[in-house]
């Protein structure tokens, strides 16, 4: 291999391995109600990603332990993983929960401690959970969020997200989670005007209780919003995990939402 070929190889090698895959999943009631078999299914579903953020980890006994079981299951599948679980959210009017992050330690480094956003904790029932990760010398901060349900008007919470880029002006933010609200809603317009782009459009992400023919998805709730000036978008998609089950009833034992993901590199 001549010098030019070697340099080209190193360039494409580094470019390839600087790509990161982030997955977000609302794992309904994730705690002691999940069996070992179900946790193993989840681990097999997410094992090829680099960073995973989970919403709806139960706040009481069993939530943190279930995440530890999931991390242990991932560690048995070829890569070393670490994890962080939030304190319970500060909601007094609605259902308090935890969030979790899991990441591959060979490519991803956690910077500092994750935190629950405090500025708007009175306005947002389940305040988002932030964590900053270092990837090949560059950083990204992921804000994971689970909004109140659609009938409680999640836009009344989401409207405060427009203040977060200014609140954390020195961070490269990506917002992800279950917004219980489609990205087309006008409440996201301020973020879009700041340069934040949704990874999915017209993609339903919650499961029906019963399929209607091939139609098993109900609502466009889960998404991620990234800033195109600092994050290079490569591709994104969802995982239709329910197709591996004989019925939606069985699939919904895992969750009533499907995972969403983005592959990106940092500018």
Protein backbone atom coordinates (compact mmCIF):
# COMPACT_ATOMS: atom_id res chain seq x y z
CA UNK A 1 0.00 0.00 0.00
CA UNK A 2 1.54 3.33 -1.08
CA UNK A 3 1.52 6.47 1.04
CA UNK A 4 -1.51 8.05 -0.66
CA UNK A 5 -3.53 4.84 -0.40
CA UNK A 6 -2.59 4.54 3.26
CA UNK A 7 -3.69 8.11 3.99
CA UNK A 8 -6.99 7.55 2.17
CA UNK A 9 -7.54 4.36 4.12
CA UNK A 10 -6.91 6.13 7.42
CA UNK A 11 -9.22 8.98 6.43
CA UNK A 12 -12.13 6.70 5.59
CA UNK A 13 -11.39 4.45 8.56
CA UNK A 14 -11.56 7.41 10.96
CA UNK A 15 -14.63 8.81 9.23
CA UNK A 16 -16.41 5.49 9.51
CA UNK A 17 -15.58 4.97 13.15
CA UNK A 18 -16.52 8.51 14.13
CA UNK A 19 -20.12 7.71 13.31
CA UNK A 20 -22.36 7.21 16.33
CA UNK A 21 -25.75 5.54 16.63
CA UNK A 22 -28.13 6.91 19.24
CA UNK A 23 -31.35 5.04 20.12
CA UNK A 24 -34.28 6.30 22.19
CA UNK A 25 -37.04 4.07 23.53
CA UNK A 26 -39.99 4.56 25.82
CA UNK A 27 -39.98 1.17 27.56
CA UNK A 28 -43.38 1.21 29.18
CA UNK A 29 -43.27 0.63 32.94
CA UNK A 30 -39.66 -0.58 32.81
CA UNK A 31 -39.03 -2.24 36.14
CA UNK A 32 -39.61 -5.48 38.00
CA UNK A 33 -42.62 -6.30 35.80
CA UNK A 34 -40.19 -7.07 32.94
CA UNK A 35 -39.07 -10.70 32.89
CA UNK A 36 -35.49 -11.82 32.28
CA UNK A 37 -36.58 -13.04 28.85
CA UNK A 38 -38.09 -9.65 28.00
CA UNK A 39 -34.97 -7.81 29.18
CA UNK A 40 -32.85 -10.11 27.02
CA UNK A 41 -35.07 -9.33 24.02
CA UNK A 42 -34.56 -5.60 24.67
CA UNK A 43 -30.79 -6.10 24.96
CA UNK A 44 -30.70 -7.91 21.63
CA UNK A 45 -32.71 -5.09 20.05
CA UNK A 46 -30.39 -2.29 21.20
CA UNK A 47 -26.96 -4.00 21.33
CA UNK A 48 -25.71 -2.56 18.01
CA UNK A 49 -26.16 1.06 19.13
CA UNK A 50 -23.58 3.23 20.88
CA UNK A 51 -25.80 5.31 23.19
CA UNK A 52 -29.28 4.38 24.39
CA UNK A 53 -31.69 6.59 26.28
CA UNK A 54 -34.75 5.11 27.95
CA UNK A 55 -37.91 6.80 29.18
CA UNK A 56 -40.50 5.45 31.61
CA UNK A 57 -38.20 3.66 34.04
CA UNK A 58 -40.31 3.13 37.13
CA UNK A 59 -39.50 5.42 40.05
CA UNK A 60 -40.12 2.87 42.78
CA UNK A 61 -38.34 -0.37 43.57
CA UNK A 62 -37.29 -2.26 40.49
CA UNK A 63 -36.54 0.48 37.96
CA UNK A 64 -32.84 0.95 38.70
CA UNK A 65 -32.41 -2.80 39.14
CA UNK A 66 -34.01 -3.48 35.76
CA UNK A 67 -31.58 -1.06 34.08
CA UNK A 68 -28.69 -2.84 35.83
CA UNK A 69 -30.02 -6.16 34.49
CA UNK A 70 -30.24 -4.68 31.01
CA UNK A 71 -26.65 -3.41 31.21
CA UNK A 72 -25.51 -6.83 32.41
CA UNK A 73 -27.31 -8.45 29.49
CA UNK A 74 -25.63 -6.06 27.05
CA UNK A 75 -22.22 -6.78 28.58
CA UNK A 76 -22.73 -10.43 27.68
CA UNK A 77 -23.19 -9.62 24.00
CA UNK A 78 -19.69 -8.57 23.01
CA UNK A 79 -19.25 -4.95 24.16
CA UNK A 80 -18.67 -3.25 27.51
CA UNK A 81 -21.52 -0.97 28.59
CA UNK A 82 -22.07 1.47 31.45
CA UNK A 83 -25.27 3.17 32.57
CA UNK A 84 -26.76 6.04 34.56
CA UNK A 85 -30.25 6.28 36.06
CA UNK A 86 -31.89 9.53 37.11
CA UNK A 87 -33.48 10.32 40.42
CA UNK A 88 -37.28 10.24 40.26
CA UNK A 89 -38.70 13.23 38.42
CA UNK A 90 -40.18 15.91 40.63
CA UNK A 91 -43.78 15.61 39.45
CA UNK A 92 -46.40 16.02 42.14
CA UNK A 93 -49.41 16.32 39.83
CA UNK A 94 -48.66 13.37 37.56
CA UNK A 95 -46.77 10.10 37.39
CA UNK A 96 -43.17 10.41 38.58
CA UNK A 97 -40.59 8.30 36.71
CA UNK A 98 -36.89 7.84 36.11
CA UNK A 99 -34.81 8.08 32.94
CA UNK A 100 -31.73 6.08 31.98
CA UNK A 101 -28.71 6.28 29.67
CA UNK A 102 -26.60 3.32 28.56
CA UNK A 103 -23.45 3.61 26.45
CA UNK A 104 -20.56 1.59 25.05
CA UNK A 105 -17.47 2.52 27.00
CA UNK A 106 -14.97 1.68 24.26
CA UNK A 107 -16.20 4.53 22.04
CA UNK A 108 -18.22 6.80 24.34
CA UNK A 109 -17.12 8.65 27.48
CA UNK A 110 -19.51 10.25 29.96
CA UNK A 111 -18.46 13.80 30.86
CA UNK A 112 -19.45 14.89 34.34
CA UNK A 113 -22.68 13.73 35.95
CA UNK A 114 -26.09 13.50 34.22
CA UNK A 115 -28.73 15.81 35.67
CA UNK A 116 -32.45 16.45 35.75
CA UNK A 117 -33.25 19.91 34.37
CA UNK A 118 -34.28 22.09 37.32
CA UNK A 119 -35.11 25.49 35.84
CA UNK A 120 -38.53 24.41 34.57
CA UNK A 121 -39.27 21.54 36.93
CA UNK A 122 -42.41 23.32 38.15
CA UNK A 123 -43.69 23.80 34.60
CA UNK A 124 -42.66 20.37 33.29
CA UNK A 125 -43.96 17.37 35.24
CA UNK A 126 -41.19 14.96 34.23
CA UNK A 127 -38.28 17.30 33.68
CA UNK A 128 -35.78 16.14 31.02
CA UNK A 129 -32.64 14.21 31.92
CA UNK A 130 -29.38 15.53 30.45
CA UNK A 131 -26.05 13.79 29.91
CA UNK A 132 -22.93 14.96 28.07
CA UNK A 133 -20.87 12.40 26.18
CA UNK A 134 -17.46 12.70 24.56
CA UNK A 135 -17.00 11.05 21.17
CA UNK A 136 -13.50 11.20 19.66
CA UNK A 137 -12.72 14.46 21.43
CA UNK A 138 -16.03 16.15 20.62
CA UNK A 139 -19.08 16.38 22.86
CA UNK A 140 -22.84 16.04 22.59
CA UNK A 141 -25.45 16.59 25.30
CA UNK A 142 -28.59 14.49 25.10
CA UNK A 143 -31.80 15.67 26.74
CA UNK A 144 -34.20 12.75 27.24
CA UNK A 145 -37.84 13.58 27.86
CA UNK A 146 -41.23 12.00 28.51
CA UNK A 147 -44.10 14.45 28.19
CA UNK A 148 -47.49 14.29 29.85
CA UNK A 149 -50.11 12.40 27.85
CA UNK A 150 -51.89 13.88 24.85
CA UNK A 151 -55.15 14.55 26.72
CA UNK A 152 -53.20 16.64 29.26
CA UNK A 153 -51.83 18.90 26.47
CA UNK A 154 -48.08 18.15 26.31
CA UNK A 155 -47.54 21.34 24.29
CA UNK A 156 -47.96 23.24 27.57
CA UNK A 157 -44.68 21.62 28.67
CA UNK A 158 -42.86 21.47 25.34
CA UNK A 159 -43.17 25.24 24.90
CA UNK A 160 -40.44 25.67 27.53
CA UNK A 161 -37.92 23.77 25.42
CA UNK A 162 -37.31 26.90 23.34
CA UNK A 163 -35.47 28.36 26.35
CA UNK A 164 -33.09 25.41 26.81
CA UNK A 165 -30.65 26.17 23.94
CA UNK A 166 -30.01 29.58 25.50
CA UNK A 167 -29.88 28.12 29.01
CA UNK A 168 -27.18 25.69 27.83
CA UNK A 169 -25.60 27.84 25.12
CA UNK A 170 -22.22 26.16 25.48
CA UNK A 171 -23.60 22.65 24.88
CA UNK A 172 -24.27 20.77 21.65
CA UNK A 173 -27.85 19.69 22.40
CA UNK A 174 -30.04 16.96 20.96
CA UNK A 175 -33.58 16.58 22.31
CA UNK A 176 -35.08 13.11 22.28
CA UNK A 177 -37.90 11.08 23.74
CA UNK A 178 -41.64 10.64 23.85
CA UNK A 179 -43.21 14.05 23.33
CA UNK A 180 -46.77 12.70 23.07
CA UNK A 181 -47.05 15.26 20.28
CA UNK A 182 -46.20 15.15 16.54
CA UNK A 183 -43.22 17.11 15.24
CA UNK A 184 -45.59 19.02 12.95
CA UNK A 185 -47.20 20.76 15.95
CA UNK A 186 -46.54 24.50 16.05
CA UNK A 187 -45.05 24.19 19.56
CA UNK A 188 -41.84 22.91 17.91
CA UNK A 189 -41.56 25.91 15.57
CA UNK A 190 -39.28 27.95 17.89
CA UNK A 191 -36.79 25.05 18.05
CA UNK A 192 -36.97 24.58 14.28
CA UNK A 193 -36.29 28.30 13.75
CA UNK A 194 -33.15 27.87 15.88
CA UNK A 195 -31.95 25.18 13.47
CA UNK A 196 -33.21 22.06 15.23
CA UNK A 197 -34.45 19.39 12.82
CA UNK A 198 -36.62 16.34 13.62
CA UNK A 199 -35.18 12.98 12.57
CA UNK A 200 -38.63 11.59 11.70
CA UNK A 201 -41.60 13.02 9.83
CA UNK A 202 -45.03 11.42 9.53
CA UNK A 203 -43.70 8.35 11.36
CA UNK A 204 -46.02 6.84 13.97
CA UNK A 205 -44.18 5.38 16.93
CA UNK A 206 -46.78 4.13 19.43
CA UNK A 207 -48.55 0.79 19.16
CA UNK A 208 -52.25 0.22 18.73
CA UNK A 209 -53.94 -2.19 21.09
CA UNK A 210 -55.11 -4.23 18.07
CA UNK A 211 -53.79 -4.30 14.52
CA UNK A 212 -56.00 -3.26 11.63
CA UNK A 213 -54.60 -5.27 8.77
CA UNK A 214 -50.95 -4.26 8.42
CA UNK A 215 -51.56 -1.10 10.43
CA UNK A 216 -50.20 -1.56 13.95
CA UNK A 217 -48.96 1.95 14.76
CA UNK A 218 -51.13 4.58 16.40
CA UNK A 219 -49.53 8.02 16.89
CA UNK A 220 -46.53 10.13 15.92
CA UNK A 221 -45.14 10.74 19.40
CA UNK A 222 -41.41 9.91 19.59
CA UNK A 223 -38.73 11.94 17.89
CA UNK A 224 -35.32 13.61 18.16
CA UNK A 225 -34.40 17.19 17.35
CA UNK A 226 -30.76 17.85 16.41
CA UNK A 227 -28.96 21.03 15.33
CA UNK A 228 -27.81 20.54 11.76
CA UNK A 229 -24.99 23.08 12.12
CA UNK A 230 -23.20 20.97 14.73
CA UNK A 231 -24.44 17.43 14.05
CA UNK A 232 -23.96 15.75 10.68
CA UNK A 233 -27.03 13.64 9.99
CA UNK A 234 -26.32 10.30 8.28
CA UNK A 235 -29.58 8.37 8.61
CA UNK A 236 -32.44 7.60 10.98
CA UNK A 237 -35.23 5.08 11.32
CA UNK A 238 -37.42 3.10 13.70
CA UNK A 239 -37.32 -0.54 14.78
CA UNK A 240 -40.55 -2.46 14.23
CA UNK A 241 -39.82 -4.92 17.03
CA UNK A 242 -43.47 -5.97 17.32
CA UNK A 243 -43.16 -7.92 14.07
CA UNK A 244 -41.18 -10.54 15.98
CA UNK A 245 -44.21 -11.36 18.12
CA UNK A 246 -47.33 -13.35 17.21
CA UNK A 247 -49.62 -10.54 18.39
CA UNK A 248 -49.57 -6.92 19.51
CA UNK A 249 -50.71 -8.10 22.92
CA UNK A 250 -47.46 -10.05 23.28
CA UNK A 251 -45.36 -7.23 21.81
CA UNK A 252 -46.86 -4.69 24.20
CA UNK A 253 -45.38 -6.64 27.12
CA UNK A 254 -42.11 -5.11 25.92
CA UNK A 255 -43.53 -1.63 25.30
CA UNK A 256 -46.33 0.33 23.71
CA UNK A 257 -43.72 2.37 21.77
CA UNK A 258 -41.15 1.39 19.15
CA UNK A 259 -37.49 2.48 19.34
CA UNK A 260 -36.28 5.40 17.22
CA UNK A 261 -32.68 6.06 16.22
CA UNK A 262 -30.24 8.34 14.45
CA UNK A 263 -26.77 7.74 13.06
CA UNK A 264 -24.63 10.88 13.06
CA UNK A 265 -21.16 12.36 13.31
CA UNK A 266 -20.13 15.52 15.10
CA UNK A 267 -19.03 18.51 13.04
